[in-house]
Amino acid sequence: MEPKDSTENEAYKGFTNSACPFMPCHRGITREFNCLFCYCPLIAYECPGPYTVFTDPRGMRRKDCSDCTLPHDGYRQSWHFIQKWLERPVLWDGHEQTRYRVARPEDAQPEP
């Protein structure tokens, strides 16, 4: 088995569960729908995706990322996007989003 960085098989970067009862859960996807990050690993961190903030019944501020398509838009693109943002994670401090979209790390730009 080759290490993932040298293999040409990129199947680990995503999949589409077309049998999911919630499909399509996000509108506006232009490439293959990636279900790998159904629960985004960036939920607890600063991220560029659009989100709103709400307070749960216990008084905890949380992100609602329902409008975000970044972890789902294309297998390779979303894989690289998540990997780049997890390289230097910054914990989210509960603030409202000040910008609708933050610039993505350069290497995480979608391919044309």
Protein backbone atom coordinates (compact mmCIF):
# COMPACT_ATOMS: atom_id res chain seq x y z
CA MET A 1 0.00 0.00 0.00
CA GLU A 2 1.36 3.38 -1.00
CA PRO A 3 1.24 6.39 1.32
CA LYS A 4 -1.66 8.68 0.41
CA ASP A 5 0.68 11.47 -0.71
CA SER A 6 2.20 9.37 -3.48
CA THR A 7 -0.72 7.28 -4.67
CA GLU A 8 -2.55 8.15 -7.85
CA ASN A 9 -5.76 6.65 -6.48
CA GLU A 10 -7.61 9.57 -4.89
CA ALA A 11 -10.72 7.66 -3.84
CA TYR A 12 -10.09 8.58 -0.19
CA LYS A 13 -10.80 12.25 -0.98
CA GLY A 14 -14.55 11.84 -1.26
CA PHE A 15 -17.70 10.02 -2.23
CA THR A 16 -21.33 10.77 -3.00
CA ASN A 17 -24.06 8.97 -1.08
CA SER A 18 -26.88 9.31 -3.61
CA ALA A 19 -29.10 7.09 -1.42
CA CYS A 20 -28.98 9.57 1.48
CA PRO A 21 -32.53 10.63 2.47
CA PHE A 22 -31.30 14.23 2.91
CA MET A 23 -29.76 14.50 -0.57
CA PRO A 24 -29.48 17.16 -1.84
CA CYS A 25 -28.71 18.86 1.46
CA HIS A 26 -26.85 21.82 -0.07
CA ARG A 27 -27.77 23.70 -3.25
CA GLY A 28 -25.27 25.28 -5.62
CA ILE A 29 -22.70 22.49 -5.91
CA THR A 30 -21.00 22.71 -9.31
CA ARG A 31 -18.78 19.60 -9.14
CA GLU A 32 -19.35 16.08 -7.80
CA PHE A 33 -21.07 16.28 -4.41
CA ASN A 34 -18.66 15.25 -1.64
CA CYS A 35 -20.36 13.59 1.35
CA LEU A 36 -17.06 12.83 3.11
CA PHE A 37 -17.34 16.01 5.19
CA CYS A 38 -21.04 15.71 5.98
CA TYR A 39 -20.13 16.92 9.46
CA CYS A 40 -17.48 19.51 8.73
CA PRO A 41 -14.28 19.21 10.79
CA LEU A 42 -14.07 23.02 10.80
CA ILE A 43 -17.22 23.51 12.91
CA ALA A 44 -15.18 24.43 16.01
CA TYR A 45 -12.65 26.56 14.12
CA GLU A 46 -12.45 29.82 12.26
CA CYS A 47 -13.36 29.17 8.65
CA PRO A 48 -14.27 31.08 5.49
CA GLY A 49 -17.64 29.48 4.92
CA PRO A 50 -20.88 31.39 5.40
CA TYR A 51 -22.46 30.76 8.78
CA THR A 52 -24.90 32.29 11.22
CA VAL A 53 -24.65 32.12 14.98
CA PHE A 54 -27.38 30.94 17.32
CA THR A 55 -27.64 30.22 21.03
CA ASP A 56 -28.67 26.70 21.95
CA PRO A 57 -31.08 25.89 24.84
CA ARG A 58 -28.12 25.62 27.23
CA GLY A 59 -26.88 29.11 26.36
CA MET A 60 -23.96 27.95 24.19
CA ARG A 61 -23.23 29.95 21.04
CA ARG A 62 -23.00 27.69 17.99
CA LYS A 63 -22.47 27.97 14.24
CA ASP A 64 -25.17 27.11 11.73
CA CYS A 65 -23.29 26.21 8.56
CA SER A 66 -26.33 25.09 6.55
CA ASP A 67 -25.55 27.51 3.72
CA CYS A 68 -21.91 26.43 3.33
CA THR A 69 -20.96 24.36 0.28
CA LEU A 70 -17.15 24.56 0.61
CA PRO A 71 -16.61 21.05 2.09
CA HIS A 72 -18.95 19.48 -0.47
CA ASP A 73 -18.10 21.02 -3.86
CA GLY A 74 -15.91 18.45 -5.64
CA TYR A 75 -13.88 15.58 -4.22
CA ARG A 76 -10.38 16.96 -4.77
CA GLN A 77 -11.34 20.59 -4.17
CA SER A 78 -13.10 20.02 -0.87
CA TRP A 79 -10.37 17.64 0.33
CA HIS A 80 -7.66 20.24 -0.31
CA PHE A 81 -9.80 23.01 1.19
CA ILE A 82 -10.30 21.12 4.48
CA GLN A 83 -6.65 20.02 4.66
CA LYS A 84 -5.40 23.60 4.22
CA TRP A 85 -7.67 25.03 6.91
CA LEU A 86 -6.72 22.26 9.35
CA GLU A 87 -2.99 22.95 8.93
CA ARG A 88 -3.26 25.96 11.26
CA PRO A 89 -6.59 25.70 13.06
CA VAL A 90 -7.78 28.67 15.11
CA LEU A 91 -10.55 27.97 17.60
CA TRP A 92 -13.78 29.83 16.88
CA ASP A 93 -14.57 32.17 19.77
CA GLY A 94 -18.34 32.45 19.26
CA HIS A 95 -18.34 35.73 17.33
CA GLU A 96 -20.70 36.57 14.50
CA GLN A 97 -19.24 36.31 11.04
CA THR A 98 -17.94 39.71 10.00
CA ARG A 99 -17.37 38.85 6.35
CA TYR A 100 -19.53 36.60 4.23
CA ARG A 101 -16.49 34.86 2.78
CA VAL A 102 -12.89 34.96 3.94
CA ALA A 103 -10.27 34.34 1.26
CA ARG A 104 -9.31 30.68 1.08
CA PRO A 105 -5.69 29.63 1.48
CA GLU A 106 -4.06 29.91 -1.93
CA ASP A 107 -3.62 26.15 -2.40
CA ALA A 108 -7.30 25.54 -1.61
CA GLN A 109 -8.63 27.57 -4.55
CA PRO A 110 -11.00 25.52 -6.69
CA GLU A 111 -9.63 24.29 -9.96
CA PRO A 112 -11.17 25.87 -13.08
